[in-house]
Protein backbone atom coordinates (compact mmCIF):
# COMPACT_ATOMS: atom_id res chain seq x y z
CA MET A 1 -6.86 6.51 -2.16
CA ALA A 2 -9.81 8.92 -2.13
CA ILE A 3 -8.05 11.13 0.42
CA GLY A 4 -4.84 11.03 -1.61
CA ILE A 5 -6.60 11.81 -4.88
CA LEU A 6 -8.55 14.64 -3.28
CA SER A 7 -5.30 16.23 -2.15
CA LEU A 8 -3.58 15.59 -5.49
CA LEU A 9 -6.41 17.01 -7.57
CA GLY A 10 -6.98 19.73 -4.99
CA PHE A 11 -3.50 21.10 -5.53
CA GLN A 12 -4.15 21.23 -9.28
CA LEU A 13 -7.26 23.28 -8.53
CA VAL A 14 -5.19 25.45 -6.20
CA ASP A 15 -2.69 25.96 -9.04
CA SER A 16 -5.46 27.24 -11.27
CA ALA A 17 -6.90 29.43 -8.50
CA PHE A 18 -3.52 31.09 -7.89
CA ILE A 19 -2.94 31.51 -11.63
CA ALA A 20 -6.39 33.06 -11.98
CA ARG A 21 -5.13 35.86 -9.69
CA LEU A 22 -2.51 36.68 -12.34
CA GLY A 23 -5.30 37.49 -14.80
CA THR A 24 -7.45 35.92 -17.50
CA ALA A 25 -4.62 35.60 -20.04
CA PRO A 26 -2.33 33.40 -17.86
CA LEU A 27 -5.32 31.25 -16.86
CA ALA A 28 -6.31 30.82 -20.52
CA ALA A 29 -2.69 29.94 -21.36
CA GLN A 30 -2.70 27.22 -18.70
CA SER A 31 -6.06 25.96 -19.95
CA PHE A 32 -4.65 25.47 -23.46
CA THR A 33 -2.01 23.10 -22.01
CA PHE A 34 -4.55 20.81 -20.34
CA PRO A 35 -5.24 18.59 -23.38
CA LEU A 36 -1.53 17.84 -23.87
CA SER A 37 -1.07 17.27 -20.15
CA PHE A 38 -3.98 14.83 -20.33
CA LEU A 39 -2.18 13.12 -23.23
CA ILE A 40 0.77 12.30 -20.96
CA ILE A 41 -1.58 11.27 -18.17
CA GLY A 42 -3.44 9.01 -20.62
CA VAL A 43 -0.28 7.10 -21.53
CA GLN A 44 0.83 6.77 -17.91
CA VAL A 45 -2.61 5.61 -16.74
CA GLY A 46 -2.76 3.05 -19.55
CA LEU A 47 0.59 1.65 -18.47
CA GLY A 48 -0.49 1.79 -14.82
CA ILE A 49 -3.61 -0.22 -15.64
CA ALA A 50 -1.45 -2.90 -17.26
CA ILE A 51 0.90 -2.91 -14.25
CA ALA A 52 -1.93 -3.41 -11.78
CA ALA A 53 -3.77 -5.99 -13.90
CA LEU A 54 -0.77 -8.19 -14.77
CA ILE A 55 0.87 -8.14 -11.35
CA SER A 56 -2.38 -8.71 -9.43
CA ARG A 57 -3.31 -11.62 -11.73
CA THR A 58 0.18 -13.08 -11.31
CA LEU A 59 -0.01 -12.79 -7.53
CA GLY A 60 -3.50 -14.33 -7.61
CA GLY A 61 -2.02 -17.23 -9.57
CA GLY A 62 0.67 -17.77 -6.91
CA ASP A 63 3.80 -16.63 -8.83
CA PRO A 64 5.51 -13.82 -6.84
CA ALA A 65 8.85 -14.24 -8.65
CA ARG A 66 7.26 -13.34 -11.97
CA ALA A 67 5.44 -10.44 -10.32
CA ARG A 68 8.82 -9.03 -9.27
CA ARG A 69 10.18 -9.25 -12.81
CA LEU A 70 7.05 -7.58 -14.19
CA GLY A 71 7.38 -4.77 -11.67
CA SER A 72 10.93 -3.97 -12.77
CA LEU A 73 10.06 -4.12 -16.45
CA VAL A 74 7.10 -1.80 -16.32
CA LEU A 75 8.93 0.79 -14.20
CA LEU A 76 11.80 0.92 -16.70
CA THR A 77 9.59 0.90 -19.79
CA GLY A 78 7.18 3.50 -18.47
CA THR A 79 9.91 5.92 -17.44
CA ILE A 80 11.51 5.78 -20.91
CA LEU A 81 8.21 6.06 -22.81
CA ILE A 82 6.96 9.10 -20.89
CA GLY A 83 10.35 10.78 -21.20
CA GLY A 84 10.25 10.37 -24.98
CA LEU A 85 6.67 11.63 -25.19
CA ALA A 86 7.45 14.73 -23.10
CA THR A 87 10.44 15.51 -25.31
CA GLY A 88 8.30 15.26 -28.45
CA LEU A 89 5.61 17.53 -27.00
CA TRP A 90 8.22 20.18 -26.21
CA VAL A 91 9.68 20.09 -29.71
CA ALA A 92 6.26 20.35 -31.42
CA HIS A 93 4.44 22.57 -28.89
CA ARG A 94 4.22 25.76 -30.99
CA PRO A 95 2.34 24.34 -34.02
CA ILE A 96 0.14 22.24 -31.71
CA PHE A 97 -1.00 25.21 -29.62
CA LEU A 98 -1.54 27.31 -32.74
CA ARG A 99 -3.87 24.61 -34.09
CA LEU A 100 -5.73 24.59 -30.76
CA GLY A 101 -6.52 28.29 -31.20
CA ALA A 102 -3.84 30.06 -29.13
CA ASP A 103 -2.74 33.50 -30.35
CA GLU A 104 0.81 34.92 -30.21
CA GLY A 105 0.34 36.54 -26.81
CA THR A 106 -0.91 33.29 -25.32
CA LEU A 107 1.94 31.37 -26.97
CA THR A 108 4.45 33.64 -25.26
CA LEU A 109 2.92 32.83 -21.87
CA ILE A 110 2.78 29.12 -22.69
CA GLY A 111 6.43 29.09 -23.77
CA GLY A 112 7.78 29.90 -20.30
CA TYR A 113 5.40 27.49 -18.58
CA TRP A 114 5.43 24.44 -20.83
CA GLY A 115 9.06 23.31 -20.27
CA PRO A 116 8.92 22.98 -16.47
CA GLN A 117 5.38 21.63 -16.74
CA LEU A 118 6.61 18.79 -18.99
CA LEU A 119 9.37 18.02 -16.48
CA ALA A 120 6.73 17.92 -13.74
CA ALA A 121 4.57 15.62 -15.89
CA TRP A 122 7.48 13.18 -16.39
CA LEU A 123 8.30 13.10 -12.67
CA GLY A 124 4.61 12.69 -11.86
CA ALA A 125 4.37 9.75 -14.26
CA VAL A 126 7.33 7.96 -12.67
CA LEU A 127 5.75 8.55 -9.27
CA TYR A 128 2.43 7.18 -10.58
CA PHE A 129 4.10 3.98 -11.80
CA GLY A 130 5.49 3.50 -8.30
CA TYR A 131 1.99 4.04 -6.89
CA SER A 132 0.65 1.40 -9.31
CA LEU A 133 3.21 -1.12 -8.12
CA PHE A 134 2.22 -0.56 -4.48
CA ARG A 135 -1.49 -0.83 -5.34
CA ALA A 136 -0.93 -4.07 -7.23
CA HIS A 137 0.56 -5.52 -4.04
CA GLY A 138 -2.43 -4.34 -2.01
CA ASP A 139 -0.81 -1.28 -0.39
CA THR A 140 -2.91 1.86 -0.98
CA ARG A 141 -1.80 3.61 2.21
CA LEU A 142 1.63 4.76 1.04
CA PRO A 143 0.36 6.16 -2.30
CA GLY A 144 -2.43 7.98 -0.45
CA LYS A 145 -0.03 9.46 2.11
CA LEU A 146 2.44 10.56 -0.57
CA MET A 147 -0.34 12.21 -2.58
CA VAL A 148 -1.25 14.23 0.50
CA LEU A 149 2.40 15.12 1.17
CA THR A 150 3.13 16.22 -2.40
CA SER A 151 -0.06 18.28 -2.39
CA LEU A 152 1.01 20.08 0.79
CA VAL A 153 4.48 20.79 -0.62
CA ASN A 154 2.91 22.20 -3.78
CA LEU A 155 0.45 24.29 -1.77
CA LEU A 156 3.26 25.83 0.26
CA LEU A 157 5.46 26.56 -2.75
CA ASP A 158 2.79 27.84 -5.14
CA PRO A 159 2.31 31.35 -3.72
CA LEU A 160 6.05 31.74 -3.10
CA LEU A 161 7.12 30.79 -6.62
CA ILE A 162 4.19 32.41 -8.46
CA PHE A 163 3.96 35.74 -6.60
CA GLY A 164 7.32 35.91 -4.82
CA ILE A 165 8.11 37.15 -1.34
CA GLY A 166 9.44 40.51 -0.22
CA PRO A 167 11.40 42.27 -2.97
CA TRP A 168 11.46 39.13 -5.15
CA GLN A 169 8.59 39.31 -7.63
CA GLY A 170 8.23 35.56 -8.26
CA LEU A 171 8.14 33.61 -11.51
CA GLY A 172 4.50 34.15 -12.45
CA LEU A 173 2.89 31.34 -14.44
CA PRO A 174 6.06 29.14 -14.63
CA GLY A 175 6.24 29.24 -10.82
CA ALA A 176 3.23 26.92 -10.63
CA ALA A 177 5.07 24.30 -12.70
CA TRP A 178 8.28 24.58 -10.66
CA ALA A 179 6.27 24.12 -7.46
CA THR A 180 4.89 20.88 -8.90
CA VAL A 181 8.39 19.72 -9.89
CA SER A 182 9.58 20.23 -6.31
CA ALA A 183 6.55 18.41 -4.89
CA PHE A 184 6.97 15.37 -7.14
CA LEU A 185 10.72 15.18 -6.42
CA THR A 186 9.88 15.04 -2.71
CA GLY A 187 7.44 12.18 -3.32
CA LEU A 188 9.88 10.25 -5.51
CA THR A 189 12.62 10.47 -2.90
CA ILE A 190 10.40 8.89 -0.25
CA LEU A 191 8.87 6.32 -2.62
CA SER A 192 12.29 5.15 -3.80
CA SER A 193 13.50 4.57 -0.25
CA ARG A 194 10.37 2.60 0.62
CA LEU A 195 10.55 0.58 -2.59
CA ARG A 196 14.12 -0.47 -1.83
CA ALA A 197 12.87 -1.95 1.45
CA THR A 198 10.49 -4.34 -0.38
CA ASP A 199 11.17 -7.46 -2.45
CA TRP A 200 8.82 -6.42 -5.27
CA LEU A 201 11.51 -5.84 -7.92
CA ALA A 202 13.96 -8.15 -9.66
CA ARG A 203 17.30 -7.57 -11.36
CA HIS A 204 17.67 -10.87 -13.18
CA GLY A 205 15.63 -12.62 -15.84
CA LEU A 206 14.16 -9.39 -17.20
CA VAL A 207 14.98 -10.04 -20.87
CA ALA A 208 13.39 -13.48 -20.83
CA GLU A 209 10.39 -12.11 -18.94
CA ALA A 210 10.03 -9.31 -21.48
CA ARG A 211 9.82 -11.87 -24.29
CA ARG A 212 7.32 -13.95 -22.33
CA SER A 213 5.08 -11.10 -21.23
CA ALA A 214 5.28 -8.71 -24.18
CA LEU A 215 2.11 -9.94 -25.88
CA SER A 216 0.01 -10.15 -22.72
CA PHE A 217 1.24 -6.75 -21.56
CA ALA A 218 0.54 -5.21 -24.96
CA GLY A 219 -2.88 -6.89 -24.99
CA ILE A 220 -3.80 -4.95 -21.86
CA ALA A 221 -1.65 -1.83 -22.16
CA GLY A 222 -2.38 -1.25 -25.86
CA PRO A 223 -6.17 -0.95 -25.64
CA ALA A 224 -5.86 0.72 -22.23
CA MET A 225 -3.51 3.39 -23.58
CA ILE A 226 -5.67 3.94 -26.66
CA GLY A 227 -8.66 4.26 -24.36
CA GLN A 228 -6.76 6.68 -22.12
CA LEU A 229 -5.46 8.68 -25.10
CA MET A 230 -8.99 9.28 -26.33
CA PRO A 231 -9.82 11.77 -23.53
CA PRO A 232 -6.89 14.10 -24.33
CA LEU A 233 -7.77 13.93 -28.03
CA ALA A 234 -11.37 14.72 -27.16
CA ALA A 235 -10.12 17.49 -24.83
CA MET A 236 -8.21 19.03 -27.74
CA LEU A 237 -11.32 18.97 -29.89
CA ALA A 238 -13.40 20.29 -26.99
CA ILE A 239 -11.05 23.21 -26.34
CA SER A 240 -11.28 24.06 -30.03
CA VAL A 241 -15.07 24.25 -29.68
CA VAL A 242 -14.76 26.27 -26.46
CA ALA A 243 -12.23 28.67 -28.04
CA THR A 244 -14.87 29.78 -30.55
CA LEU A 245 -16.77 31.31 -27.60
CA GLY A 246 -13.84 33.52 -26.51
CA GLU A 247 -10.90 33.70 -24.08
CA THR A 248 -13.20 34.16 -21.08
CA THR A 249 -14.99 30.88 -21.78
CA VAL A 250 -11.64 29.11 -22.27
CA ALA A 251 -10.51 30.32 -18.85
CA ALA A 252 -13.81 29.21 -17.25
CA TRP A 253 -13.58 25.83 -19.00
CA GLY A 254 -10.09 25.32 -17.55
CA LEU A 255 -11.37 25.95 -14.03
CA ALA A 256 -14.38 23.69 -14.64
CA SER A 257 -12.00 20.91 -15.75
CA ARG A 258 -10.15 21.19 -12.45
CA LEU A 259 -13.43 21.09 -10.52
CA GLU A 260 -14.49 18.06 -12.52
CA THR A 261 -11.49 16.02 -11.42
CA VAL A 262 -11.91 17.07 -7.78
CA SER A 263 -15.61 16.19 -7.90
CA LEU A 264 -14.73 12.77 -9.33
CA MET A 265 -12.20 11.95 -6.59
CA VAL A 266 -14.17 8.92 -5.28
CA VAL A 267 -14.61 7.56 -8.80
CA LEU A 268 -10.91 8.00 -9.53
CA ALA A 269 -10.00 6.33 -6.24
CA LEU A 270 -12.16 3.34 -7.18
CA THR A 271 -10.71 3.13 -10.70
CA MET A 272 -7.25 2.87 -9.08
CA SER A 273 -7.98 0.60 -6.11
CA LEU A 274 -10.68 -1.69 -7.53
CA PRO A 275 -8.87 -3.24 -10.57
CA PRO A 276 -6.15 -5.05 -8.53
CA TRP A 277 -8.90 -6.62 -6.39
CA LEU A 278 -10.93 -7.50 -9.46
CA GLY A 279 -7.81 -8.93 -11.11
CA ARG A 280 -7.28 -11.36 -8.24
CA CYS A 281 -10.95 -12.42 -8.41
CA TYR A 282 -10.57 -12.87 -12.17
CA GLY A 283 -7.47 -15.03 -11.65
CA ALA A 284 -9.42 -17.17 -9.16
CA GLY A 285 -12.57 -17.32 -11.34
CA ASP A 286 -14.71 -15.78 -8.57
CA TRP A 287 -17.32 -13.93 -10.65
CA ALA A 288 -19.81 -13.73 -7.78
CA GLN A 289 -17.33 -11.60 -5.84
CA VAL A 290 -16.74 -9.47 -8.96
CA GLU A 291 -20.46 -8.70 -9.14
CA ARG A 292 -20.66 -7.86 -5.44
CA LEU A 293 -17.72 -5.47 -5.72
CA MET A 294 -19.04 -3.77 -8.84
CA HIS A 295 -22.57 -3.30 -7.49
CA LEU A 296 -21.21 -1.74 -4.31
CA ALA A 297 -18.97 0.55 -6.36
CA PHE A 298 -21.89 1.62 -8.57
CA LYS A 299 -24.00 2.53 -5.53
CA VAL A 300 -21.20 4.52 -3.92
CA VAL A 301 -20.47 6.44 -7.11
CA VAL A 302 -24.06 7.35 -7.93
CA ILE A 303 -24.89 8.51 -4.41
CA TRP A 304 -21.64 10.42 -3.94
CA GLN A 305 -21.72 12.17 -7.31
CA LEU A 306 -25.38 13.18 -7.01
CA VAL A 307 -24.84 14.63 -3.53
CA ILE A 308 -21.61 16.48 -4.30
CA GLY A 309 -22.88 17.53 -7.74
CA VAL A 310 -26.09 19.07 -6.43
CA ILE A 311 -24.29 20.83 -3.55
CA LEU A 312 -21.67 22.36 -5.87
CA ALA A 313 -24.29 23.30 -8.45
CA VAL A 314 -26.29 25.19 -5.82
CA ALA A 315 -23.11 26.82 -4.48
CA ALA A 316 -21.81 27.61 -7.98
CA PRO A 317 -21.79 31.45 -7.66
CA TRP A 318 -19.79 31.35 -4.42
CA VAL A 319 -17.36 28.68 -5.66
CA ALA A 320 -16.78 30.69 -8.85
CA LEU A 321 -16.19 33.83 -6.78
CA ALA A 322 -13.51 32.01 -4.77
CA LEU A 323 -11.74 30.69 -7.87
CA SER A 324 -11.68 33.71 -10.20
CA GLY A 325 -11.34 37.46 -9.91
CA SER A 326 -12.99 38.14 -13.27
CA PRO A 327 -16.80 38.62 -13.24
CA GLU A 328 -17.10 37.28 -16.80
CA VAL A 329 -15.13 34.12 -15.99
CA ARG A 330 -17.18 33.65 -12.81
CA ASN A 331 -20.47 33.81 -14.70
CA ASP A 332 -19.35 31.26 -17.30
CA LEU A 333 -17.89 28.97 -14.63
CA ALA A 334 -21.10 29.02 -12.58
CA MET A 335 -23.13 28.08 -15.66
CA LEU A 336 -20.82 25.15 -16.46
CA MET A 337 -20.99 23.90 -12.87
CA ARG A 338 -24.78 23.92 -12.68
CA PHE A 339 -25.19 21.64 -15.69
CA MET A 340 -22.08 19.46 -15.67
CA LEU A 341 -21.40 18.48 -12.06
CA PRO A 342 -24.65 16.53 -11.37
CA SER A 343 -24.16 14.59 -14.63
CA TYR A 344 -20.98 13.02 -13.26
CA ALA A 345 -23.11 10.42 -11.43
CA LEU A 346 -23.64 8.66 -14.77
CA LEU A 347 -20.17 9.53 -16.06
CA GLY A 348 -18.78 7.77 -12.97
CA ILE A 349 -20.56 4.54 -13.96
CA CYS A 350 -18.90 4.71 -17.35
CA MET A 351 -15.46 5.28 -15.81
CA LEU A 352 -15.91 2.31 -13.47
CA VAL A 353 -16.93 0.00 -16.30
CA VAL A 354 -13.94 1.03 -18.43
CA SER A 355 -11.52 0.57 -15.53
CA ALA A 356 -13.00 -2.81 -14.54
CA GLY A 357 -12.98 -4.02 -18.13
CA ASN A 358 -9.18 -3.94 -18.26
CA ALA A 359 -8.93 -6.06 -15.10
CA LEU A 360 -11.64 -8.54 -16.15
CA GLY A 361 -10.30 -9.49 -19.57
CA TRP A 362 -12.39 -7.02 -21.63
CA PRO A 363 -9.68 -4.56 -22.77
CA LEU A 364 -11.14 -4.12 -26.26
CA GLY A 365 -14.63 -3.56 -24.89
CA ALA A 366 -13.26 -0.97 -22.45
CA MET A 367 -11.44 0.80 -25.27
CA LEU A 368 -14.56 0.86 -27.46
CA MET A 369 -16.63 2.19 -24.57
CA SER A 370 -14.15 5.02 -24.09
CA GLY A 371 -14.44 5.89 -27.77
CA VAL A 372 -18.22 5.79 -27.77
CA ARG A 373 -18.39 7.96 -24.64
CA LEU A 374 -16.23 10.69 -26.11
CA PHE A 375 -16.84 10.68 -29.84
CA VAL A 376 -20.44 9.48 -30.07
CA CYS A 377 -21.95 10.88 -26.86
CA TYR A 378 -19.86 13.77 -25.51
CA LEU A 379 -18.31 15.76 -28.36
CA PRO A 380 -21.34 15.86 -30.69
CA CYS A 381 -23.57 17.04 -27.82
CA LEU A 382 -20.94 19.60 -26.78
CA TRP A 383 -20.62 21.03 -30.30
CA LEU A 384 -24.36 21.09 -30.91
CA GLY A 385 -25.02 22.82 -27.59
CA ALA A 386 -22.37 25.49 -28.28
CA GLN A 387 -23.85 26.15 -31.72
CA LEU A 388 -27.40 26.46 -30.41
CA SER A 389 -26.96 28.42 -27.19
CA GLY A 390 -23.38 29.51 -26.45
CA VAL A 391 -22.06 28.82 -22.96
CA THR A 392 -25.42 27.53 -21.69
CA GLY A 393 -25.69 25.10 -24.58
CA LEU A 394 -22.06 24.06 -24.10
CA ALA A 395 -22.77 23.12 -20.47
CA ALA A 396 -26.05 21.38 -21.26
CA GLY A 397 -24.49 19.45 -24.14
CA ALA A 398 -21.67 18.16 -21.91
CA ALA A 399 -24.22 17.01 -19.32
CA VAL A 400 -26.33 15.16 -21.89
CA GLY A 401 -23.24 13.46 -23.31
CA ASN A 402 -22.18 12.25 -19.85
CA ALA A 403 -25.64 10.85 -19.16
CA LEU A 404 -25.77 8.93 -22.45
CA ALA A 405 -22.30 7.46 -21.78
CA GLY A 406 -23.33 6.18 -18.35
CA ILE A 407 -26.44 4.46 -19.71
CA LEU A 408 -24.50 2.73 -22.49
CA ALA A 409 -21.71 1.65 -20.10
CA TRP A 410 -24.22 0.02 -17.76
CA GLN A 411 -25.60 -2.01 -20.66
CA LEU A 412 -22.07 -3.05 -21.67
CA TYR A 413 -21.30 -4.19 -18.12
CA ARG A 414 -24.47 -6.30 -17.89
CA TRP A 415 -23.66 -7.95 -21.21
CA GLY A 416 -20.07 -8.67 -20.13
CA ILE A 417 -21.07 -10.23 -16.81
CA HIS A 418 -23.74 -12.37 -18.47
CA SER A 419 -21.24 -13.63 -21.05
CA ALA A 420 -18.62 -14.44 -18.39
CA ARG A 421 -21.10 -16.39 -16.25
CA PHE A 422 -22.32 -18.28 -19.30
CA ARG A 423 -18.74 -19.33 -20.12
CA VAL A 424 -18.25 -20.53 -16.52
CA VAL A 425 -21.40 -22.65 -16.72
CA GLU A 426 -20.30 -24.14 -20.05
């Protein structure tokens, strides 16, 4: 999963690097779309969490027939929900981007990019639901391989569709979105053929299963989706703060956001692969194994994020040079990297706790932790830092917010484990 996520997030970073060669304005236009893209991702991840948790618990309880019905239901429901959300975001995109701080020139650039990008987001969500189904059944190899494949397809198509070849001038900014559409269609074609070869889906008994499982699914998916929707809302508020510092800082912030997700690849891999395992332990009441898994995950995350964060912070000027052709954007990006990347060691702890909470029967606690991380720790520190010291304060504020979130999440985890063990003893 880590290899697959590295390739998947790497191609998003490659997208931004190619777009940066078009100029600061196209890169800023793409950066304005990130919060709404994260909104779609938040909904799909929330549904994916519910898929993995419910199916893994059902398999742990020895009921594969119900697991098949659940798999069919969540694939159908998720595809329809994301399609409706993407349609709504297209209809309302102009007033939304104006409220985020985009000017008329930026809106013109966004207009040609946003339609194909929404199509890519919908296809990516359907692909993600398929990945979740495979992970719930213990297969992380196929999702990882398909992430690598789709990344390679996108990498090959990006320069062709953005810049063109020979006399054809290319599509510019929209070309990046069409490359992603093609990559995800390739992945869906392969995933569908592999899924048909399994017995993980059912055609009958879906209505009765929907009535039976609606409350339990909503009990997991509801808080999970709310928790996953908080980051895009916070991203919208953050981009509004960043926009007050100018177009150059917005462009640098967009690149830093891509670097953030690449840096967090191990954390993201664990948040995807660990919950199904934890769900089976939860179904079997094996809390000792839960603690062993979580402690190992914490150690891996802290060590990995500190090492990669320090290396990238030291190499910030050279990484920024590779990603942007604008000296102003490079300077701002290097500053953001130096402060923010090492702080992801503690942010990773918070992300693990939130992900594990949904698998271990603490969906409300996970949702509250997400809210505290973003709206109590992160955004106030971000705003205060920007007010006090511009780009430097912005970067330092984000780092402080991440550190506070990690400390609070660790305390929440210890309380949750203690409470669970106490209930077992009783």
